[in-house]
Protein backbone atom coordinates (compact mmCIF):
# COMPACT_ATOMS: atom_id res chain seq x y z
CA MET A 1 138.36 109.44 95.34
CA LEU A 2 137.00 111.07 92.44
CA GLY A 3 134.71 114.29 92.62
CA TRP A 4 133.32 116.90 90.91
CA GLY A 5 133.82 120.05 92.90
CA PHE A 6 135.41 120.83 95.98
CA PRO A 7 134.00 123.56 98.47
CA PRO A 8 133.82 126.79 98.69
CA ASN A 9 134.93 126.42 94.50
CA VAL A 10 131.58 124.55 93.86
CA ALA A 11 129.26 124.06 96.91
CA GLY A 12 126.51 121.60 95.86
CA GLY A 13 125.29 118.74 98.28
CA LEU A 14 127.47 115.75 96.61
CA ASP A 15 130.72 118.50 96.10
CA THR A 16 130.19 119.87 100.65
CA HIS A 17 129.87 115.60 100.98
CA VAL A 18 133.11 114.83 99.46
CA GLY A 19 134.70 117.78 100.70
CA ALA A 20 133.87 117.10 104.13
CA LEU A 21 134.49 113.41 103.95
CA PHE A 22 137.82 113.87 102.41
CA ASP A 23 139.55 117.01 104.91
CA GLY A 24 137.60 114.46 107.88
CA LEU A 25 139.83 111.37 106.02
CA GLU A 26 143.00 113.14 106.41
CA GLU A 27 142.79 113.03 110.11
CA THR A 28 142.62 109.30 110.51
CA ASP A 29 145.01 106.78 109.43
CA ILE A 30 143.78 105.98 105.93
CA GLU A 31 145.59 107.27 103.30
CA VAL A 32 143.33 109.69 101.15
CA GLU A 33 143.75 110.82 97.78
CA LEU A 34 141.03 112.90 95.92
CA MET A 35 141.04 113.59 91.96
CA LEU A 36 138.77 116.51 90.55
CA PRO A 37 138.43 118.56 87.41
CA GLU A 38 141.71 120.62 87.93
CA GLU A 39 139.47 124.12 87.31
CA TYR A 40 136.75 123.05 89.96
CA ALA A 41 140.31 122.18 92.16
CA PRO A 42 141.61 124.02 95.07
CA GLU A 43 144.91 124.99 94.76
CA ASP A 44 148.18 123.85 96.62
CA ARG A 45 146.33 120.98 98.90
CA GLU A 46 148.28 118.34 99.50
CA ASN A 47 146.42 114.73 98.01
CA ILE A 48 143.88 116.59 95.74
CA VAL A 49 144.84 115.87 92.04
CA GLY A 50 143.64 118.56 89.79
CA VAL A 51 143.36 116.95 86.04
CA PRO A 52 142.09 119.32 83.04
CA THR A 53 139.12 117.98 81.67
CA GLY A 54 138.71 120.64 78.65
CA ASP A 55 135.56 121.57 77.04
CA GLY A 56 132.26 119.42 76.34
CA ASP A 57 129.79 118.04 78.60
CA ILE A 58 129.78 116.13 81.90
CA VAL A 59 130.45 112.55 80.53
CA THR A 60 133.35 113.94 77.82
CA ARG A 61 135.54 115.61 80.84
CA ILE A 62 135.25 113.31 83.43
CA GLY A 63 136.46 110.69 80.58
CA ARG A 64 139.48 112.67 80.18
CA ILE A 65 140.44 112.04 83.68
CA SER A 66 139.93 108.00 83.64
CA LYS A 67 143.52 107.02 82.23
CA GLN A 68 144.97 109.14 85.74
CA PHE A 69 142.50 108.00 87.67
CA ALA A 70 143.17 103.93 87.16
CA GLU A 71 146.77 104.26 87.24
CA ARG A 72 146.90 106.05 90.73
CA ALA A 73 143.88 103.58 91.64
CA ALA A 74 147.10 100.83 91.34
CA ASP A 75 148.37 102.50 94.66
CA PHE A 76 145.21 101.87 96.41
CA ASP A 77 142.81 99.69 98.17
CA ILE A 78 139.14 101.31 97.28
CA VAL A 79 138.29 103.41 94.62
CA HIS A 80 135.13 105.63 96.08
CA THR A 81 133.20 107.65 93.42
CA HIS A 82 130.18 109.39 93.72
CA ASP A 83 126.85 109.10 91.93
CA TRP A 84 126.83 107.87 87.97
CA PHE A 85 129.33 110.38 86.88
CA GLY A 86 132.14 108.28 88.84
CA TYR A 87 131.14 105.27 86.08
CA GLY A 88 134.07 105.86 83.66
CA PRO A 89 137.03 106.07 85.91
CA ALA A 90 136.52 103.88 87.80
CA SER A 91 135.13 101.02 85.54
CA ARG A 92 138.91 101.84 84.16
CA ALA A 93 140.48 101.49 87.50
CA LYS A 94 138.46 97.80 87.74
CA GLN A 95 139.51 96.81 84.35
CA GLN A 96 143.73 97.65 85.27
CA THR A 97 143.89 96.56 89.17
CA ASP A 98 142.15 94.34 91.89
CA VAL A 99 141.02 97.41 93.71
CA THR A 100 137.54 97.52 95.40
CA TRP A 101 135.12 100.27 94.04
CA VAL A 102 132.89 101.52 96.41
CA THR A 103 130.29 104.04 94.90
CA THR A 104 128.01 106.81 96.99
CA PHE A 105 124.71 107.64 95.61
CA HIS A 106 123.49 110.89 96.50
CA SER A 107 120.27 111.12 94.18
CA LEU A 108 119.12 109.67 90.99
CA SER A 109 118.08 110.73 87.98
CA SER A 110 114.69 110.30 88.59
CA ASP A 111 115.27 112.72 91.37
CA ARG A 112 116.49 115.38 89.29
CA ASN A 113 114.57 115.13 86.17
CA ILE A 114 110.84 114.35 85.49
CA ASP A 115 112.28 112.89 82.13
CA PRO A 116 115.73 111.66 83.07
CA PRO A 117 117.95 111.72 80.07
CA GLN A 118 118.14 107.95 78.90
CA ARG A 119 122.23 108.02 79.14
CA GLU A 120 122.47 108.89 82.96
CA LEU A 121 119.58 106.28 83.67
CA GLU A 122 121.57 103.61 81.76
CA THR A 123 124.71 104.60 83.47
CA GLU A 124 123.33 104.24 87.02
CA ARG A 125 122.59 100.87 86.00
CA ARG A 126 125.81 100.17 84.91
CA VAL A 127 127.27 101.87 88.08
CA THR A 128 124.44 99.74 90.36
CA ASP A 129 125.68 96.60 88.70
CA ARG A 130 129.25 96.94 88.48
CA SER A 131 130.17 98.72 91.62
CA ASP A 132 131.28 95.99 94.45
CA TYR A 133 129.34 97.80 96.90
CA LEU A 134 127.10 100.43 97.29
CA LEU A 135 126.51 103.73 99.76
CA SER A 136 122.90 105.81 99.90
CA VAL A 137 122.49 109.54 102.27
CA SER A 138 119.15 107.83 103.27
CA HIS A 139 117.09 105.28 103.49
CA LEU A 140 114.41 107.12 100.97
CA LEU A 141 117.08 106.72 98.61
CA ALA A 142 118.12 103.58 99.48
CA GLY A 143 114.58 102.52 98.88
CA ASN A 144 114.74 104.25 95.71
CA LEU A 145 117.96 102.89 94.22
CA LYS A 146 116.58 99.20 95.49
CA GLU A 147 112.97 99.71 93.22
CA GLU A 148 114.93 101.50 90.35
CA TYR A 149 118.07 99.09 89.75
CA GLY A 150 117.41 96.31 92.36
CA GLY A 151 121.16 97.73 94.08
CA GLU A 152 121.51 96.76 98.12
CA SER A 153 123.10 99.66 99.68
CA THR A 154 124.21 100.61 102.71
CA VAL A 155 123.26 103.97 104.41
CA ILE A 156 125.32 106.92 106.04
CA HIS A 157 123.36 109.66 106.19
CA ASN A 158 125.52 112.62 105.29
CA GLY A 159 125.99 115.59 108.50
CA PHE A 160 124.82 118.73 108.84
CA SER A 161 126.47 122.07 107.41
CA THR A 162 126.52 124.82 109.78
CA PRO A 163 126.57 128.00 107.76
CA ASP A 164 128.71 131.58 109.15
CA THR A 165 126.87 134.24 109.90
CA THR A 166 127.54 137.97 110.72
CA GLY A 167 124.19 139.53 111.77
CA ARG A 168 123.33 141.08 108.32
CA ASP A 169 119.39 141.49 108.40
CA TYR A 170 118.51 140.96 105.15
CA LYS A 171 115.06 141.15 105.53
CA GLU A 172 115.58 144.68 106.75
CA GLU A 173 118.17 145.44 103.57
CA LEU A 174 115.47 144.17 101.24
CA GLY A 175 112.80 146.43 103.03
CA ILE A 176 110.42 142.92 104.18
CA ASN A 177 108.04 144.41 106.83
CA GLY A 178 105.93 141.32 107.61
CA PRO A 179 107.16 137.47 107.64
CA MET A 180 109.71 136.70 105.40
CA LEU A 181 110.23 133.54 103.37
CA LEU A 182 112.91 132.04 101.96
CA TYR A 183 113.59 129.47 99.22
CA VAL A 184 117.58 128.70 98.07
CA GLY A 185 118.74 126.15 95.56
CA ARG A 186 119.00 125.55 92.05
CA HIS A 187 115.36 126.78 90.05
CA THR A 188 114.74 123.36 88.44
CA ASP A 189 111.77 120.78 87.95
CA GLN A 190 112.95 118.65 90.96
CA LYS A 191 112.78 121.53 93.34
CA GLY A 192 109.28 122.63 92.95
CA ILE A 193 109.47 125.89 92.96
CA ALA A 194 106.25 126.26 91.25
CA HIS A 195 103.74 124.84 93.73
CA LEU A 196 105.87 127.45 96.04
CA LEU A 197 104.84 130.23 94.39
CA TYR A 198 101.04 129.15 94.00
CA ALA A 199 101.17 128.39 97.73
CA ILE A 200 101.76 132.24 98.38
CA LYS A 201 98.87 133.50 96.73
CA LYS A 202 96.82 130.86 99.01
CA LEU A 203 98.17 132.63 102.08
CA ARG A 204 95.77 134.49 104.31
CA ASP A 205 99.02 136.79 104.89
CA PRO A 206 99.56 139.57 102.36
CA GLU A 207 102.62 140.80 104.03
CA VAL A 208 104.54 137.63 103.78
CA THR A 209 107.37 137.46 101.30
CA LEU A 210 109.17 134.91 99.69
CA VAL A 211 112.61 135.58 98.99
CA VAL A 212 114.09 133.03 96.06
CA GLY A 213 117.58 132.61 95.83
CA GLY A 214 119.73 130.55 93.16
CA LYS A 215 119.26 130.61 89.56
CA GLY A 216 118.71 128.00 86.86
CA HIS A 217 117.02 127.43 83.46
CA LEU A 218 113.56 128.02 84.82
CA THR A 219 114.13 131.28 86.40
CA ASP A 220 112.73 133.54 83.84
CA GLN A 221 109.72 131.08 84.26
CA LEU A 222 109.14 131.23 87.10
CA LYS A 223 109.09 134.73 87.43
CA ARG A 224 106.87 135.10 85.10
CA PHE A 225 104.42 132.54 86.48
CA ALA A 226 104.23 134.92 89.85
CA GLU A 227 103.40 137.39 87.42
CA LEU A 228 100.55 135.30 86.31
CA LEU A 229 99.20 134.58 89.89
CA GLY A 230 99.41 138.04 90.79
CA VAL A 231 102.04 137.55 93.45
CA GLU A 232 105.08 139.30 92.04
CA GLU A 233 104.68 142.18 94.72
CA GLN A 234 105.34 139.28 97.17
CA VAL A 235 108.01 137.56 95.53
CA ASN A 236 111.42 138.86 95.57
CA PHE A 237 113.90 136.83 93.25
CA VAL A 238 117.87 138.12 94.21
CA GLY A 239 119.87 135.55 92.18
CA TYR A 240 122.86 133.26 93.34
CA VAL A 241 123.42 133.89 97.21
CA PRO A 242 127.19 133.41 97.70
CA GLU A 243 128.69 131.51 100.40
CA ASP A 244 129.16 133.59 102.64
CA ALA A 245 125.90 135.66 102.27
CA LEU A 246 124.02 132.22 102.80
CA GLY A 247 123.62 132.16 106.08
CA ASP A 248 122.45 135.89 107.01
CA TYR A 249 119.89 134.99 104.28
CA TYR A 250 118.57 131.37 107.02
CA ALA A 251 119.11 133.57 110.30
CA SER A 252 117.02 136.58 108.17
CA ALA A 253 114.17 134.54 107.15
CA ASP A 254 110.97 133.61 110.00
CA VAL A 255 111.05 130.15 107.95
CA PHE A 256 112.42 128.33 105.32
CA VAL A 257 110.61 126.42 102.53
CA SER A 258 112.12 123.11 100.89
CA PRO A 259 108.78 122.05 98.71
CA SER A 260 111.06 119.40 96.20
CA LEU A 261 109.85 117.26 94.54
CA ALA A 262 112.26 114.47 95.21
CA GLU A 263 114.70 115.29 98.15
CA PRO A 264 116.85 112.57 98.56
CA PHE A 265 118.53 114.38 101.75
CA GLY A 266 118.79 118.27 102.60
CA ILE A 267 121.20 119.81 102.99
CA THR A 268 119.98 123.15 102.72
CA ILE A 269 117.41 122.11 105.38
CA THR A 270 120.29 121.26 107.93
CA GLU A 271 121.58 124.62 106.89
CA ALA A 272 118.82 126.63 108.18
CA LEU A 273 118.12 124.56 110.86
CA GLU A 274 121.67 125.37 112.39
CA VAL A 275 120.69 128.88 112.47
CA GLY A 276 117.42 128.51 114.10
CA THR A 277 115.18 128.97 111.53
CA HIS A 278 112.08 126.91 111.32
CA VAL A 279 111.51 124.63 108.05
CA VAL A 280 108.53 123.43 106.18
CA ALA A 281 109.71 120.66 103.56
CA THR A 282 108.01 117.54 101.58
CA GLU A 283 109.36 114.34 102.10
CA CYS A 284 113.33 114.06 102.35
CA GLY A 285 116.03 111.74 103.44
CA VAL A 286 117.51 114.02 106.43
CA ALA A 287 113.98 113.87 107.97
CA GLU A 288 115.35 110.62 108.98
CA VAL A 289 117.66 111.93 111.40
CA LEU A 290 115.50 114.53 113.09
CA PRO A 291 112.64 114.33 115.93
CA ASP A 292 109.22 113.92 114.44
CA ASP A 293 107.97 117.16 115.26
CA CYS A 294 111.37 119.08 114.23
CA LEU A 295 110.10 120.17 110.38
CA VAL A 296 106.83 120.82 109.23
CA GLU A 297 106.61 118.17 106.84
CA VAL A 298 104.13 118.78 103.73
CA LYS A 299 103.04 117.23 100.60
CA PRO A 300 104.54 118.90 97.29
CA ASP A 301 100.97 120.61 96.64
CA SER A 302 100.47 124.29 96.82
CA ASP A 303 97.45 123.96 99.65
CA SER A 304 99.58 121.75 101.67
CA ILE A 305 102.69 124.15 101.72
CA ALA A 306 100.37 126.49 102.14
CA ASP A 307 98.94 125.19 105.13
CA GLY A 308 102.79 124.09 106.24
CA ILE A 309 104.22 127.75 106.06
CA GLU A 310 101.35 129.20 108.28
CA GLU A 311 101.88 126.29 111.25
CA ALA A 312 105.73 127.52 110.80
CA LEU A 313 104.60 130.99 111.43
CA SER A 314 102.98 130.21 114.50
CA ARG A 315 105.59 128.58 116.14
CA ASP A 316 107.75 130.49 118.79
CA GLU A 317 110.26 128.20 120.01
CA PRO A 318 113.37 127.50 117.50
CA PRO A 319 113.80 123.72 116.43
CA GLN A 320 114.72 121.46 118.86
CA TYR A 321 117.10 118.23 117.75
CA GLU A 322 120.62 116.62 117.99
CA ARG A 323 123.08 117.55 115.68
CA ARG A 324 124.90 115.43 113.10
CA GLY A 325 128.77 116.08 112.58
CA TRP A 326 130.27 115.36 109.64
CA ASP A 327 133.11 113.76 111.92
CA GLU A 328 130.15 111.39 112.39
CA VAL A 329 129.64 111.09 108.24
CA VAL A 330 133.89 110.71 108.32
CA GLU A 331 134.03 107.69 111.28
CA GLU A 332 131.30 105.48 109.77
CA THR A 333 132.60 106.03 106.05
CA ALA A 334 135.97 105.07 107.62
CA ASP A 335 134.82 101.98 109.49
CA TYR A 336 133.27 100.64 106.67
CA TYR A 337 136.17 101.13 104.97
CA ARG A 338 138.32 99.27 107.41
CA GLU A 339 135.51 96.28 106.79
CA LEU A 340 136.16 96.07 103.26
CA VAL A 341 139.67 95.63 103.44
């Protein structure tokens, strides 16, 4: 299997999936080896191979893994890559061996970008055409993959991630007296944060405070937008939230808001639910494995988000749902592998 990062060194949704899947597969009868860029690989983990990738963009760096990945693939039945960046190493492995190539899509370039880079689009098309089998983390994503590239994929939903909590009260530490809303994630166009900021202006309760965690290339623009809206006193940009503090941020919030323009699954949503925090969310893949009334579902529009926030703040009982564990993801993936061989 080829990945990019491994928690807690890198803890994006794809990396969380790869880490949980690798750890779980090691407990089965399936022999698994994970190859990563050396700088993101954990130290002294058996069956995790870190390869130096040097400087450059992701395509250049992953390209430096291709030779070793193809050589190791000769000892395995399946190579499993994730998203578009696995194209080079897996293609080389297919050329040199009779290995079966499985790709899991976690999102598409059109999910991550308003104007997707042409290179990513073309690489996604090639991955879709040349992989032997495709997986998607939700039916929402599988439908988009079919529509954009004609790819038929099997759906194996992600598991729910449960963040650690210590009882630390960030609401008190940040001096918030009224309701606390939380957003945490990358500051990119995909995440729809501008709609959320505009929604704050439309709330009837002026005591509501939005805590914005994370960072990205839009951070400065978003801060300026809050000033232009006149809501800068109600918005607190706290920057990158360390993994060991994340659970307490979720637990301190009255409502977590996911205003994404595209959210193929939504692991942050599961993290908020796991500590008992209500969630307002736009269309997302995780809704497929939750009861209809678990999330307050909204459109990526400031009026809809504002209405959703007010509804979530009025709810007294914690969200009720049946948790999907990563052990289920591992079991379903292992069964899938067995069917292929």
